[in-house]
Amino acid sequence: MLKKMAKGDWIVFYSPKTVYPDGEPLQAFTAIGQVSDDEPYQAEMFPDFHPWRRNVDFLDCAETPIRPLIEQLNFIEDKSRWGYKFRFGVFKIDDHDLEVLRSAMTGAAAKGLL
């Protein structure tokens, strides 16, 4: 999926738990940013582990629970089984959903002003 992303694309991170794999349930969007490079690259984490990466310009944002947003998000087709979509890892969302998430994570609602 990293190869399919282009410079300027947005990425939103959803975190089901506080710590993988055995943390407490979190069920929140935790980061949002825009891809800032042209190609994926490999980074060395350990001598035998070189994961692929993309550079992202992250926005300041607040951890945003998913439950209050479920009804507004088009990518969640079956609202009663909202977690199903996340089982597939990276997936594309439409502009409407991006705006809902960006607004919730960075706007007045995220800062407790609404």
N, C-alpha and C. Protein backbone atom coordinates (compact mmCIF):
# COMPACT_ATOMS: atom_id res chain seq x y z
N MET A 1 0.81 -1.21 0.00
CA MET A 1 0.00 0.00 0.00
C MET A 1 0.85 1.27 0.00
N LEU A 2 2.04 1.21 0.59
CA LEU A 2 2.87 2.41 0.61
C LEU A 2 3.22 2.89 -0.79
N LYS A 3 3.38 1.96 -1.73
CA LYS A 3 3.69 2.34 -3.11
C LYS A 3 2.51 3.03 -3.80
N LYS A 4 1.30 2.72 -3.36
CA LYS A 4 0.10 3.31 -3.96
C LYS A 4 -0.13 4.74 -3.48
N MET A 5 0.47 5.11 -2.37
CA MET A 5 0.31 6.46 -1.84
C MET A 5 1.16 7.43 -2.64
N ALA A 6 0.64 8.63 -2.82
CA ALA A 6 1.35 9.67 -3.56
C ALA A 6 1.59 10.87 -2.65
N LYS A 7 2.58 11.65 -3.02
CA LYS A 7 2.84 12.89 -2.30
C LYS A 7 1.55 13.71 -2.28
N GLY A 8 1.18 14.20 -1.10
CA GLY A 8 -0.04 14.97 -0.95
C GLY A 8 -1.23 14.17 -0.45
N ASP A 9 -1.15 12.84 -0.52
CA ASP A 9 -2.23 12.01 0.02
C ASP A 9 -2.27 12.15 1.53
N TRP A 10 -3.46 12.00 2.09
CA TRP A 10 -3.65 12.06 3.53
C TRP A 10 -3.70 10.66 4.10
N ILE A 11 -3.25 10.52 5.35
CA ILE A 11 -3.32 9.25 6.05
C ILE A 11 -3.82 9.53 7.47
N VAL A 12 -4.74 8.68 7.92
CA VAL A 12 -5.31 8.78 9.26
C VAL A 12 -5.05 7.46 9.95
N PHE A 13 -4.55 7.51 11.17
CA PHE A 13 -4.23 6.31 11.92
C PHE A 13 -5.32 6.01 12.95
N TYR A 14 -5.79 4.78 12.92
CA TYR A 14 -6.76 4.29 13.91
C TYR A 14 -6.03 3.33 14.84
N SER A 15 -6.25 3.48 16.14
CA SER A 15 -5.60 2.63 17.13
C SER A 15 -6.66 1.87 17.93
N PRO A 16 -6.77 0.56 17.71
CA PRO A 16 -7.76 -0.20 18.46
C PRO A 16 -7.41 -0.38 19.93
N LYS A 17 -6.10 -0.38 20.23
CA LYS A 17 -5.64 -0.59 21.61
C LYS A 17 -4.57 0.44 21.98
N THR A 18 -4.34 0.59 23.27
CA THR A 18 -3.31 1.53 23.75
C THR A 18 -1.92 1.04 23.39
N VAL A 19 -1.70 -0.26 23.42
CA VAL A 19 -0.41 -0.88 23.11
C VAL A 19 -0.69 -2.18 22.37
N TYR A 20 0.05 -2.42 21.29
CA TYR A 20 -0.13 -3.65 20.54
C TYR A 20 0.74 -4.74 21.13
N PRO A 21 0.29 -5.95 21.31
CA PRO A 21 -1.03 -6.47 20.96
C PRO A 21 -1.98 -6.59 22.15
N ASP A 22 -1.49 -6.35 23.37
CA ASP A 22 -2.30 -6.68 24.55
C ASP A 22 -2.74 -5.48 25.39
N GLY A 23 -2.71 -4.27 24.81
CA GLY A 23 -3.11 -3.10 25.57
C GLY A 23 -4.60 -3.02 25.81
N GLU A 24 -4.98 -2.04 26.58
CA GLU A 24 -6.40 -1.78 26.85
C GLU A 24 -7.06 -1.27 25.57
N PRO A 25 -8.36 -1.49 25.41
CA PRO A 25 -9.06 -0.96 24.23
C PRO A 25 -8.97 0.57 24.19
N LEU A 26 -8.70 1.11 23.02
CA LEU A 26 -8.65 2.56 22.81
C LEU A 26 -9.73 2.99 21.83
N GLN A 27 -9.79 2.34 20.67
CA GLN A 27 -10.79 2.60 19.64
C GLN A 27 -10.88 4.09 19.30
N ALA A 28 -9.73 4.64 18.88
CA ALA A 28 -9.67 6.07 18.57
C ALA A 28 -8.73 6.33 17.39
N PHE A 29 -8.98 7.44 16.70
CA PHE A 29 -8.05 7.92 15.69
C PHE A 29 -6.97 8.70 16.44
N THR A 30 -5.71 8.41 16.12
CA THR A 30 -4.63 8.95 16.95
C THR A 30 -3.62 9.80 16.20
N ALA A 31 -3.66 9.82 14.89
CA ALA A 31 -2.73 10.65 14.12
C ALA A 31 -3.31 10.90 12.73
N ILE A 32 -2.96 12.06 12.17
CA ILE A 32 -3.38 12.43 10.82
C ILE A 32 -2.27 13.25 10.19
N GLY A 33 -1.99 12.97 8.93
CA GLY A 33 -0.93 13.70 8.24
C GLY A 33 -1.00 13.52 6.75
N GLN A 34 -0.09 14.21 6.08
CA GLN A 34 -0.04 14.22 4.63
C GLN A 34 1.32 13.68 4.16
N VAL A 35 1.27 12.76 3.20
CA VAL A 35 2.50 12.17 2.66
C VAL A 35 3.33 13.28 2.03
N SER A 36 4.62 13.33 2.38
CA SER A 36 5.47 14.44 1.93
C SER A 36 6.63 14.01 1.04
N ASP A 37 6.69 12.73 0.69
CA ASP A 37 7.78 12.27 -0.18
C ASP A 37 7.20 11.67 -1.46
N ASP A 38 8.10 11.27 -2.35
CA ASP A 38 7.66 10.75 -3.64
C ASP A 38 7.66 9.23 -3.72
N GLU A 39 8.44 8.57 -2.89
CA GLU A 39 8.59 7.11 -2.96
C GLU A 39 8.78 6.53 -1.56
N PRO A 40 8.36 5.28 -1.35
CA PRO A 40 8.68 4.59 -0.09
C PRO A 40 10.19 4.33 0.00
N TYR A 41 10.67 4.19 1.22
CA TYR A 41 12.08 3.87 1.43
C TYR A 41 12.18 2.89 2.59
N GLN A 42 13.30 2.20 2.68
CA GLN A 42 13.53 1.27 3.78
C GLN A 42 14.37 1.92 4.85
N ALA A 43 13.97 1.69 6.09
CA ALA A 43 14.71 2.21 7.25
C ALA A 43 15.22 1.02 8.06
N GLU A 44 16.37 1.19 8.68
CA GLU A 44 16.92 0.11 9.51
C GLU A 44 16.46 0.29 10.94
N MET A 45 15.65 -0.64 11.41
CA MET A 45 15.23 -0.65 12.81
C MET A 45 16.21 -1.50 13.63
N PHE A 46 16.59 -2.63 13.03
CA PHE A 46 17.55 -3.56 13.60
C PHE A 46 18.39 -4.07 12.43
N PRO A 47 19.54 -4.67 12.69
CA PRO A 47 20.36 -5.15 11.58
C PRO A 47 19.63 -6.08 10.62
N ASP A 48 18.67 -6.84 11.11
CA ASP A 48 17.94 -7.77 10.24
C ASP A 48 16.49 -7.36 10.00
N PHE A 49 16.14 -6.10 10.29
CA PHE A 49 14.76 -5.63 10.11
C PHE A 49 14.79 -4.25 9.46
N HIS A 50 14.32 -4.17 8.21
CA HIS A 50 14.33 -2.95 7.42
C HIS A 50 12.93 -2.67 6.86
N PRO A 51 12.02 -2.13 7.68
CA PRO A 51 10.65 -1.90 7.21
C PRO A 51 10.58 -0.75 6.20
N TRP A 52 9.55 -0.80 5.37
CA TRP A 52 9.30 0.28 4.41
C TRP A 52 8.60 1.42 5.11
N ARG A 53 8.91 2.65 4.71
CA ARG A 53 8.39 3.86 5.35
C ARG A 53 7.99 4.89 4.29
N ARG A 54 7.18 5.86 4.72
CA ARG A 54 6.88 7.07 3.95
C ARG A 54 7.06 8.24 4.91
N ASN A 55 7.53 9.36 4.39
CA ASN A 55 7.60 10.57 5.20
C ASN A 55 6.22 11.21 5.22
N VAL A 56 5.81 11.65 6.40
CA VAL A 56 4.48 12.23 6.58
C VAL A 56 4.62 13.50 7.41
N ASP A 57 3.97 14.57 6.97
CA ASP A 57 3.86 15.79 7.76
C ASP A 57 2.60 15.67 8.61
N PHE A 58 2.78 15.42 9.90
CA PHE A 58 1.65 15.20 10.80
C PHE A 58 1.09 16.52 11.30
N LEU A 59 -0.22 16.56 11.49
CA LEU A 59 -0.91 17.71 12.07
C LEU A 59 -0.98 17.53 13.58
N ASP A 60 -1.00 18.64 14.30
CA ASP A 60 -1.31 18.57 15.72
C ASP A 60 -2.76 18.14 15.82
N CYS A 61 -3.03 17.14 16.65
CA CYS A 61 -4.40 16.66 16.75
C CYS A 61 -4.64 16.06 18.13
N ALA A 62 -5.92 15.83 18.40
CA ALA A 62 -6.33 15.18 19.64
C ALA A 62 -6.74 13.76 19.33
N GLU A 63 -6.46 12.85 20.24
CA GLU A 63 -6.95 11.48 20.15
C GLU A 63 -8.47 11.57 20.08
N THR A 64 -9.06 10.93 19.07
CA THR A 64 -10.48 11.12 18.80
C THR A 64 -11.20 9.77 18.76
N PRO A 65 -12.06 9.49 19.75
CA PRO A 65 -12.80 8.23 19.77
C PRO A 65 -13.66 8.06 18.51
N ILE A 66 -13.76 6.83 18.03
CA ILE A 66 -14.52 6.56 16.82
C ILE A 66 -16.02 6.54 17.06
N ARG A 67 -16.47 6.07 18.19
CA ARG A 67 -17.90 5.84 18.39
C ARG A 67 -18.78 7.06 18.09
N PRO A 68 -18.44 8.28 18.51
CA PRO A 68 -19.30 9.42 18.17
C PRO A 68 -19.33 9.75 16.67
N LEU A 69 -18.41 9.20 15.88
CA LEU A 69 -18.30 9.52 14.46
C LEU A 69 -18.89 8.45 13.54
N ILE A 70 -19.22 7.30 14.08
CA ILE A 70 -19.63 6.15 13.25
C ILE A 70 -20.73 6.51 12.26
N GLU A 71 -21.77 7.19 12.71
CA GLU A 71 -22.90 7.50 11.83
C GLU A 71 -22.53 8.44 10.69
N GLN A 72 -21.47 9.22 10.85
CA GLN A 72 -21.07 10.19 9.84
C GLN A 72 -20.10 9.62 8.80
N LEU A 73 -19.50 8.48 9.07
CA LEU A 73 -18.44 7.95 8.23
C LEU A 73 -18.98 7.00 7.15
N ASN A 74 -18.78 7.35 5.89
CA ASN A 74 -19.26 6.56 4.77
C ASN A 74 -18.56 5.21 4.64
N PHE A 75 -17.28 5.12 5.04
CA PHE A 75 -16.56 3.87 4.86
C PHE A 75 -17.07 2.77 5.77
N ILE A 76 -17.83 3.13 6.79
CA ILE A 76 -18.44 2.13 7.66
C ILE A 76 -19.83 1.83 7.11
N GLU A 77 -19.92 0.76 6.33
CA GLU A 77 -21.16 0.42 5.64
C GLU A 77 -22.20 -0.14 6.59
N ASP A 78 -21.80 -1.02 7.49
CA ASP A 78 -22.71 -1.61 8.47
C ASP A 78 -22.37 -1.02 9.83
N LYS A 79 -23.16 -0.05 10.25
CA LYS A 79 -22.88 0.69 11.49
C LYS A 79 -22.88 -0.21 12.73
N SER A 80 -23.59 -1.34 12.67
CA SER A 80 -23.62 -2.25 13.81
C SER A 80 -22.35 -3.10 13.89
N ARG A 81 -21.59 -3.16 12.80
CA ARG A 81 -20.34 -3.92 12.76
C ARG A 81 -19.20 -2.99 12.29
N TRP A 82 -19.10 -1.85 12.94
CA TRP A 82 -18.19 -0.79 12.49
C TRP A 82 -16.72 -1.22 12.49
N GLY A 83 -16.32 -2.15 13.33
CA GLY A 83 -14.92 -2.55 13.42
C GLY A 83 -14.45 -3.44 12.28
N TYR A 84 -15.38 -4.00 11.52
CA TYR A 84 -15.04 -4.94 10.46
C TYR A 84 -14.07 -4.36 9.44
N LYS A 85 -14.29 -3.14 9.01
CA LYS A 85 -13.46 -2.51 7.97
C LYS A 85 -11.99 -2.45 8.37
N PHE A 86 -11.71 -2.29 9.64
CA PHE A 86 -10.34 -2.13 10.10
C PHE A 86 -9.54 -3.43 10.06
N ARG A 87 -10.19 -4.54 9.87
CA ARG A 87 -9.49 -5.83 9.80
C ARG A 87 -8.63 -5.96 8.55
N PHE A 88 -8.83 -5.08 7.58
CA PHE A 88 -8.11 -5.17 6.31
C PHE A 88 -6.88 -4.28 6.26
N GLY A 89 -6.56 -3.59 7.35
CA GLY A 89 -5.38 -2.72 7.35
C GLY A 89 -5.66 -1.42 6.62
N VAL A 90 -4.77 -1.05 5.72
CA VAL A 90 -4.88 0.22 5.00
C VAL A 90 -5.99 0.15 3.96
N PHE A 91 -6.84 1.17 3.93
CA PHE A 91 -7.88 1.26 2.92
C PHE A 91 -8.15 2.72 2.61
N LYS A 92 -8.72 2.96 1.45
CA LYS A 92 -8.99 4.32 0.99
C LYS A 92 -10.33 4.81 1.54
N ILE A 93 -10.37 6.11 1.91
CA ILE A 93 -11.63 6.73 2.32
C ILE A 93 -11.92 7.90 1.39
N ASP A 94 -13.17 8.33 1.36
CA ASP A 94 -13.54 9.44 0.47
C ASP A 94 -13.26 10.79 1.14
N ASP A 95 -13.40 11.85 0.35
CA ASP A 95 -13.11 13.21 0.84
C ASP A 95 -14.02 13.59 2.01
N HIS A 96 -15.27 13.18 1.97
CA HIS A 96 -16.19 13.48 3.06
C HIS A 96 -15.67 12.91 4.38
N ASP A 97 -15.28 11.63 4.36
CA ASP A 97 -14.79 11.00 5.58
C ASP A 97 -13.49 11.64 6.07
N LEU A 98 -12.62 12.01 5.14
CA LEU A 98 -11.39 12.70 5.53
C LEU A 98 -11.72 14.00 6.24
N GLU A 99 -12.67 14.76 5.72
CA GLU A 99 -13.04 16.03 6.35
C GLU A 99 -13.67 15.82 7.72
N VAL A 100 -14.52 14.80 7.86
CA VAL A 100 -15.11 14.48 9.16
C VAL A 100 -14.00 14.19 10.17
N LEU A 101 -13.05 13.35 9.77
CA LEU A 101 -11.97 12.98 10.69
C LEU A 101 -11.02 14.13 10.98
N ARG A 102 -10.62 14.86 9.93
CA ARG A 102 -9.70 15.98 10.14
C ARG A 102 -10.33 17.03 11.04
N SER A 103 -11.60 17.33 10.82
CA SER A 103 -12.30 18.32 11.64
C SER A 103 -12.40 17.86 13.09
N ALA A 104 -12.77 16.60 13.28
CA ALA A 104 -12.91 16.08 14.64
C ALA A 104 -11.56 16.04 15.37
N MET A 105 -10.50 15.71 14.64
CA MET A 105 -9.19 15.55 15.27
C MET A 105 -8.46 16.87 15.49
N THR A 106 -8.71 17.85 14.64
CA THR A 106 -7.93 19.09 14.72
C THR A 106 -8.77 20.33 15.01
N GLY A 107 -10.07 20.23 14.88
CA GLY A 107 -10.94 21.40 15.03
C GLY A 107 -11.32 21.68 16.46
N ALA A 108 -12.29 22.56 16.60
CA ALA A 108 -12.76 22.98 17.92
C ALA A 108 -13.31 21.80 18.72
N ALA A 109 -13.96 20.86 18.05
CA ALA A 109 -14.51 19.70 18.75
C ALA A 109 -13.39 18.91 19.40
N ALA A 110 -12.28 18.75 18.72
CA ALA A 110 -11.15 17.98 19.27
C ALA A 110 -10.50 18.70 20.44
N LYS A 111 -10.61 20.00 20.46
CA LYS A 111 -9.97 20.77 21.54
C LYS A 111 -10.95 21.03 22.70
N GLY A 112 -12.15 20.44 22.63
CA GLY A 112 -13.11 20.60 23.69
C GLY A 112 -13.81 21.95 23.68
N LEU A 113 -13.82 22.63 22.56
CA LEU A 113 -14.41 23.96 22.49
C LEU A 113 -15.86 23.93 22.03
N LEU A 114 -16.36 22.79 21.59
CA LEU A 114 -17.76 22.68 21.15
C LEU A 114 -18.57 21.91 22.16
